Amino acid sequence: MNMIIEKNILQKDLEEKLLGLLKEQFNIRLQLASGKLKKTHLIRKVRKDIARIKTLLMDRINNKL
């Protein structure tokens, strides 16, 4: 999943994507702990995608003030 985030996405959609990525991150961490994770690059990729979405959400909050 290559994240390309548009600035005009609704906040509700961003929050849903964030929740989905957090669940995915949890599952990846479980797989890593159990030794079943083959694609270790996914850890970093999901973490970066979460940061991108959180940055957009915070920018929107700060611009409203």
PDB file of N, CA and C in Angstrom:
ATOM      1  N   MET A   1       0.841  -1.174   0.000  1.00  0.00           N
ATOM      2  CA  MET A   1       0.000   0.000   0.000  1.00  0.00           C
ATOM      3  C   MET A   1       0.887   1.239   0.000  1.00  0.00           C
ATOM      4  N   ASN A   2       0.861   1.960  -1.082  1.00  0.00           N
ATOM      5  CA  ASN A   2       1.637   3.183  -1.188  1.00  0.00           C
ATOM      6  C   ASN A   2       0.728   4.351  -0.848  1.00  0.00           C
ATOM      7  N   MET A   3       1.008   5.038   0.239  1.00  0.00           N
ATOM      8  CA  MET A   3       0.127   6.098   0.711  1.00  0.00           C
ATOM      9  C   MET A   3       0.376   7.391  -0.045  1.00  0.00           C
ATOM     10  N   ILE A   4      -0.639   7.833  -0.741  1.00  0.00           N
ATOM     11  CA  ILE A   4      -0.638   9.168  -1.320  1.00  0.00           C
ATOM     12  C   ILE A   4      -1.855   9.854  -0.726  1.00  0.00           C
ATOM     13  N   ILE A   5      -1.607  10.850   0.086  1.00  0.00           N
ATOM     14  CA  ILE A   5      -2.689  11.498   0.817  1.00  0.00           C
ATOM     15  C   ILE A   5      -2.979  12.848   0.174  1.00  0.00           C
ATOM     16  N   GLU A   6      -4.217  13.038  -0.215  1.00  0.00           N
ATOM     17  CA  GLU A   6      -4.626  14.315  -0.772  1.00  0.00           C
ATOM     18  C   GLU A   6      -5.058  15.235   0.360  1.00  0.00           C
ATOM     19  N   LYS A   7      -4.845  16.504   0.173  1.00  0.00           N
ATOM     20  CA  LYS A   7      -5.173  17.464   1.224  1.00  0.00           C
ATOM     21  C   LYS A   7      -6.676  17.684   1.359  1.00  0.00           C
ATOM     22  N   ASN A   8      -7.456  17.316   0.330  1.00  0.00           N
ATOM     23  CA  ASN A   8      -8.884  17.596   0.377  1.00  0.00           C
ATOM     24  C   ASN A   8      -9.714  16.409   0.860  1.00  0.00           C
ATOM     25  N   ILE A   9      -9.076  15.397   1.422  1.00  0.00           N
ATOM     26  CA  ILE A   9      -9.800  14.259   1.984  1.00  0.00           C
ATOM     27  C   ILE A   9     -10.500  14.712   3.263  1.00  0.00           C
ATOM     28  N   LEU A  10     -11.701  14.237   3.467  1.00  0.00           N
ATOM     29  CA  LEU A  10     -12.457  14.603   4.663  1.00  0.00           C
ATOM     30  C   LEU A  10     -11.753  14.114   5.925  1.00  0.00           C
ATOM     31  N   GLN A  11     -11.939  14.853   6.998  1.00  0.00           N
ATOM     32  CA  GLN A  11     -11.297  14.492   8.263  1.00  0.00           C
ATOM     33  C   GLN A  11     -11.772  13.127   8.743  1.00  0.00           C
ATOM     34  N   LYS A  12     -13.047  12.832   8.540  1.00  0.00           N
ATOM     35  CA  LYS A  12     -13.596  11.541   8.958  1.00  0.00           C
ATOM     36  C   LYS A  12     -12.874  10.398   8.238  1.00  0.00           C
ATOM     37  N   ASP A  13     -12.615  10.577   6.938  1.00  0.00           N
ATOM     38  CA  ASP A  13     -11.916   9.548   6.166  1.00  0.00           C
ATOM     39  C   ASP A  13     -10.477   9.372   6.649  1.00  0.00           C
ATOM     40  N   LEU A  14      -9.831  10.495   6.989  1.00  0.00           N
ATOM     41  CA  LEU A  14      -8.466  10.412   7.511  1.00  0.00           C
ATOM     42  C   LEU A  14      -8.437   9.660   8.838  1.00  0.00           C
ATOM     43  N   GLU A  15      -9.412   9.931   9.688  1.00  0.00           N
ATOM     44  CA  GLU A  15      -9.464   9.254  10.981  1.00  0.00           C
ATOM     45  C   GLU A  15      -9.713   7.757  10.807  1.00  0.00           C
ATOM     46  N   GLU A  16     -10.532   7.392   9.815  1.00  0.00           N
ATOM     47  CA  GLU A  16     -10.777   5.975   9.540  1.00  0.00           C
ATOM     48  C   GLU A  16      -9.511   5.291   9.029  1.00  0.00           C
ATOM     49  N   LYS A  17      -8.777   5.984   8.139  1.00  0.00           N
ATOM     50  CA  LYS A  17      -7.517   5.424   7.637  1.00  0.00           C
ATOM     51  C   LYS A  17      -6.513   5.265   8.771  1.00  0.00           C
ATOM     52  N   LEU A  18      -6.482   6.256   9.659  1.00  0.00           N
ATOM     53  CA  LEU A  18      -5.568   6.199  10.796  1.00  0.00           C
ATOM     54  C   LEU A  18      -5.886   5.004  11.683  1.00  0.00           C
ATOM     55  N   LEU A  19      -7.158   4.797  11.959  1.00  0.00           N
ATOM     56  CA  LEU A  19      -7.569   3.665  12.785  1.00  0.00           C
ATOM     57  C   LEU A  19      -7.179   2.342  12.122  1.00  0.00           C
ATOM     58  N   GLY A  20      -7.384   2.250  10.812  1.00  0.00           N
ATOM     59  CA  GLY A  20      -7.009   1.043  10.082  1.00  0.00           C
ATOM     60  C   GLY A  20      -5.510   0.790  10.125  1.00  0.00           C
ATOM     61  N   LEU A  21      -4.723   1.856   9.990  1.00  0.00           N
ATOM     62  CA  LEU A  21      -3.268   1.712  10.039  1.00  0.00           C
ATOM     63  C   LEU A  21      -2.791   1.323  11.434  1.00  0.00           C
ATOM     64  N   LEU A  22      -3.438   1.849  12.463  1.00  0.00           N
ATOM     65  CA  LEU A  22      -3.057   1.473  13.826  1.00  0.00           C
ATOM     66  C   LEU A  22      -3.345  -0.003  14.083  1.00  0.00           C
ATOM     67  N   LYS A  23      -4.459  -0.492  13.556  1.00  0.00           N
ATOM     68  CA  LYS A  23      -4.769  -1.918  13.685  1.00  0.00           C
ATOM     69  C   LYS A  23      -3.756  -2.761  12.918  1.00  0.00           C
ATOM     70  N   GLU A  24      -3.392  -2.284  11.723  1.00  0.00           N
ATOM     71  CA  GLU A  24      -2.402  -3.002  10.922  1.00  0.00           C
ATOM     72  C   GLU A  24      -1.053  -3.030  11.639  1.00  0.00           C
ATOM     73  N   GLN A  25      -0.681  -1.906  12.254  1.00  0.00           N
ATOM     74  CA  GLN A  25       0.571  -1.838  12.997  1.00  0.00           C
ATOM     75  C   GLN A  25       0.564  -2.824  14.164  1.00  0.00           C
ATOM     76  N   PHE A  26      -0.559  -2.931  14.842  1.00  0.00           N
ATOM     77  CA  PHE A  26      -0.686  -3.874  15.949  1.00  0.00           C
ATOM     78  C   PHE A  26      -0.478  -5.306  15.454  1.00  0.00           C
ATOM     79  N   ASN A  27      -1.125  -5.645  14.339  1.00  0.00           N
ATOM     80  CA  ASN A  27      -0.984  -6.992  13.786  1.00  0.00           C
ATOM     81  C   ASN A  27       0.449  -7.279  13.346  1.00  0.00           C
ATOM     82  N   ILE A  28       1.105  -6.286  12.774  1.00  0.00           N
ATOM     83  CA  ILE A  28       2.497  -6.458  12.350  1.00  0.00           C
ATOM     84  C   ILE A  28       3.386  -6.696  13.566  1.00  0.00           C
ATOM     85  N   ARG A  29       3.144  -5.955  14.644  1.00  0.00           N
ATOM     86  CA  ARG A  29       3.948  -6.145  15.856  1.00  0.00           C
ATOM     87  C   ARG A  29       3.736  -7.529  16.461  1.00  0.00           C
ATOM     88  N   LEU A  30       2.499  -8.023  16.405  1.00  0.00           N
ATOM     89  CA  LEU A  30       2.233  -9.377  16.896  1.00  0.00           C
ATOM     90  C   LEU A  30       2.983 -10.411  16.062  1.00  0.00           C
ATOM     91  N   GLN A  31       2.957 -10.240  14.753  1.00  0.00           N
ATOM     92  CA  GLN A  31       3.666 -11.164  13.874  1.00  0.00           C
ATOM     93  C   GLN A  31       5.166 -11.106  14.123  1.00  0.00           C
ATOM     94  N   LEU A  32       5.682  -9.904  14.365  1.00  0.00           N
ATOM     95  CA  LEU A  32       7.110  -9.753  14.636  1.00  0.00           C
ATOM     96  C   LEU A  32       7.487 -10.467  15.929  1.00  0.00           C
ATOM     97  N   ALA A  33       6.664 -10.319  16.949  1.00  0.00           N
ATOM     98  CA  ALA A  33       6.951 -10.940  18.240  1.00  0.00           C
ATOM     99  C   ALA A  33       6.890 -12.462  18.160  1.00  0.00           C
ATOM    100  N   SER A  34       6.012 -12.971  17.321  1.00  0.00           N
ATOM    101  CA  SER A  34       5.883 -14.424  17.202  1.00  0.00           C
ATOM    102  C   SER A  34       6.850 -15.011  16.180  1.00  0.00           C
ATOM    103  N   GLY A  35       7.584 -14.151  15.480  1.00  0.00           N
ATOM    104  CA  GLY A  35       8.575 -14.624  14.521  1.00  0.00           C
ATOM    105  C   GLY A  35       8.010 -15.002  13.166  1.00  0.00           C
ATOM    106  N   LYS A  36       6.795 -14.593  12.874  1.00  0.00           N
ATOM    107  CA  LYS A  36       6.158 -14.957  11.614  1.00  0.00           C
ATOM    108  C   LYS A  36       6.226 -13.858  10.559  1.00  0.00           C
ATOM    109  N   LEU A  37       6.783 -12.709  10.901  1.00  0.00           N
ATOM    110  CA  LEU A  37       6.818 -11.580   9.976  1.00  0.00           C
ATOM    111  C   LEU A  37       7.969 -11.747   8.991  1.00  0.00           C
ATOM    112  N   LYS A  38       7.640 -11.863   7.715  1.00  0.00           N
ATOM    113  CA  LYS A  38       8.652 -12.013   6.669  1.00  0.00           C
ATOM    114  C   LYS A  38       9.041 -10.665   6.068  1.00  0.00           C
ATOM    115  N   LYS A  39       8.081  -9.756   5.970  1.00  0.00           N
ATOM    116  CA  LYS A  39       8.316  -8.461   5.329  1.00  0.00           C
ATOM    117  C   LYS A  39       8.518  -7.394   6.402  1.00  0.00           C
ATOM    118  N   THR A  40       9.736  -7.296   6.895  1.00  0.00           N
ATOM    119  CA  THR A  40      10.005  -6.375   7.998  1.00  0.00           C
ATOM    120  C   THR A  40       9.922  -4.911   7.576  1.00  0.00           C
ATOM    121  N   HIS A  41       9.982  -4.640   6.285  1.00  0.00           N
ATOM    122  CA  HIS A  41       9.888  -3.258   5.820  1.00  0.00           C
ATOM    123  C   HIS A  41       8.506  -2.651   6.092  1.00  0.00           C
ATOM    124  N   LEU A  42       7.524  -3.495   6.336  1.00  0.00           N
ATOM    125  CA  LEU A  42       6.171  -3.002   6.593  1.00  0.00           C
ATOM    126  C   LEU A  42       6.086  -2.224   7.903  1.00  0.00           C
ATOM    127  N   ILE A  43       6.943  -2.557   8.864  1.00  0.00           N
ATOM    128  CA  ILE A  43       6.940  -1.855  10.152  1.00  0.00           C
ATOM    129  C   ILE A  43       7.188  -0.367   9.920  1.00  0.00           C
ATOM    130  N   ARG A  44       8.235  -0.066   9.193  1.00  0.00           N
ATOM    131  CA  ARG A  44       8.609   1.323   8.936  1.00  0.00           C
ATOM    132  C   ARG A  44       7.582   2.015   8.045  1.00  0.00           C
ATOM    133  N   LYS A  45       7.102   1.309   7.047  1.00  0.00           N
ATOM    134  CA  LYS A  45       6.156   1.883   6.096  1.00  0.00           C
ATOM    135  C   LYS A  45       4.858   2.303   6.782  1.00  0.00           C
ATOM    136  N   VAL A  46       4.322   1.437   7.615  1.00  0.00           N
ATOM    137  CA  VAL A  46       3.073   1.751   8.316  1.00  0.00           C
ATOM    138  C   VAL A  46       3.299   2.887   9.306  1.00  0.00           C
ATOM    139  N   ARG A  47       4.440   2.873   9.984  1.00  0.00           N
ATOM    140  CA  ARG A  47       4.743   3.938  10.940  1.00  0.00           C
ATOM    141  C   ARG A  47       4.800   5.302  10.237  1.00  0.00           C
ATOM    142  N   LYS A  48       5.410   5.347   9.064  1.00  0.00           N
ATOM    143  CA  LYS A  48       5.507   6.595   8.305  1.00  0.00           C
ATOM    144  C   LYS A  48       4.134   7.058   7.817  1.00  0.00           C
ATOM    145  N   ASP A  49       3.299   6.110   7.383  1.00  0.00           N
ATOM    146  CA  ASP A  49       1.955   6.458   6.927  1.00  0.00           C
ATOM    147  C   ASP A  49       1.118   7.029   8.068  1.00  0.00           C
ATOM    148  N   ILE A  50       1.266   6.451   9.255  1.00  0.00           N
ATOM    149  CA  ILE A  50       0.561   6.964  10.435  1.00  0.00           C
ATOM    150  C   ILE A  50       1.016   8.394  10.723  1.00  0.00           C
ATOM    151  N   ALA A  51       2.297   8.641  10.634  1.00  0.00           N
ATOM    152  CA  ALA A  51       2.832   9.979  10.891  1.00  0.00           C
ATOM    153  C   ALA A  51       2.309  10.982   9.867  1.00  0.00           C
ATOM    154  N   ARG A  52       2.202  10.570   8.608  1.00  0.00           N
ATOM    155  CA  ARG A  52       1.689  11.472   7.572  1.00  0.00           C
ATOM    156  C   ARG A  52       0.245  11.878   7.860  1.00  0.00           C
ATOM    157  N   ILE A  53      -0.562  10.910   8.233  1.00  0.00           N
ATOM    158  CA  ILE A  53      -1.969  11.204   8.506  1.00  0.00           C
ATOM    159  C   ILE A  53      -2.101  12.067   9.756  1.00  0.00           C
ATOM    160  N   LYS A  54      -1.335  11.760  10.794  1.00  0.00           N
ATOM    161  CA  LYS A  54      -1.397  12.567  12.013  1.00  0.00           C
ATOM    162  C   LYS A  54      -0.952  13.999  11.741  1.00  0.00           C
ATOM    163  N   THR A  55       0.038  14.170  10.874  1.00  0.00           N
ATOM    164  CA  THR A  55       0.504  15.505  10.516  1.00  0.00           C
ATOM    165  C   THR A  55      -0.600  16.290   9.823  1.00  0.00           C
ATOM    166  N   LEU A  56      -1.285  15.655   8.879  1.00  0.00           N
ATOM    167  CA  LEU A  56      -2.392  16.329   8.196  1.00  0.00           C
ATOM    168  C   LEU A  56      -3.499  16.711   9.172  1.00  0.00           C
ATOM    169  N   LEU A  57      -3.841  15.806  10.069  1.00  0.00           N
ATOM    170  CA  LEU A  57      -4.896  16.090  11.042  1.00  0.00           C
ATOM    171  C   LEU A  57      -4.508  17.258  11.951  1.00  0.00           C
ATOM    172  N   MET A  58      -3.269  17.281  12.409  1.00  0.00           N
ATOM    173  CA  MET A  58      -2.820  18.361  13.287  1.00  0.00           C
ATOM    174  C   MET A  58      -2.752  19.690  12.535  1.00  0.00           C
ATOM    175  N   ASP A  59      -2.353  19.659  11.269  1.00  0.00           N
ATOM    176  CA  ASP A  59      -2.336  20.886  10.472  1.00  0.00           C
ATOM    177  C   ASP A  59      -3.737  21.469  10.353  1.00  0.00           C
ATOM    178  N   ARG A  60      -4.718  20.601  10.162  1.00  0.00           N
ATOM    179  CA  ARG A  60      -6.099  21.074  10.052  1.00  0.00           C
ATOM    180  C   ARG A  60      -6.575  21.672  11.370  1.00  0.00           C
ATOM    181  N   ILE A  61      -6.207  21.063  12.478  1.00  0.00           N
ATOM    182  CA  ILE A  61      -6.607  21.591  13.787  1.00  0.00           C
ATOM    183  C   ILE A  61      -5.947  22.947  14.030  1.00  0.00           C
ATOM    184  N   ASN A  62      -4.666  23.060  13.714  1.00  0.00           N
ATOM    185  CA  ASN A  62      -3.941  24.308  13.944  1.00  0.00           C
ATOM    186  C   ASN A  62      -4.419  25.425  13.024  1.00  0.00           C
ATOM    187  N   ASN A  63      -4.843  25.091  11.815  1.00  0.00           N
ATOM    188  CA  ASN A  63      -5.321  26.114  10.886  1.00  0.00           C
ATOM    189  C   ASN A  63      -6.695  26.645  11.269  1.00  0.00           C
ATOM    190  N   LYS A  64      -7.467  25.853  11.999  1.00  0.00           N
ATOM    191  CA  LYS A  64      -8.786  26.310  12.433  1.00  0.00           C
ATOM    192  C   LYS A  64      -8.684  27.324  13.557  1.00  0.00           C
ATOM    193  N   LEU A  65      -7.594  27.282  14.312  1.00  0.00           N
ATOM    194  CA  LEU A  65      -7.438  28.190  15.457  1.00  0.00           C
ATOM    195  C   LEU A  65      -7.105  29.548  14.999  1.00  0.00           C
TER     196      LEU A  65
END
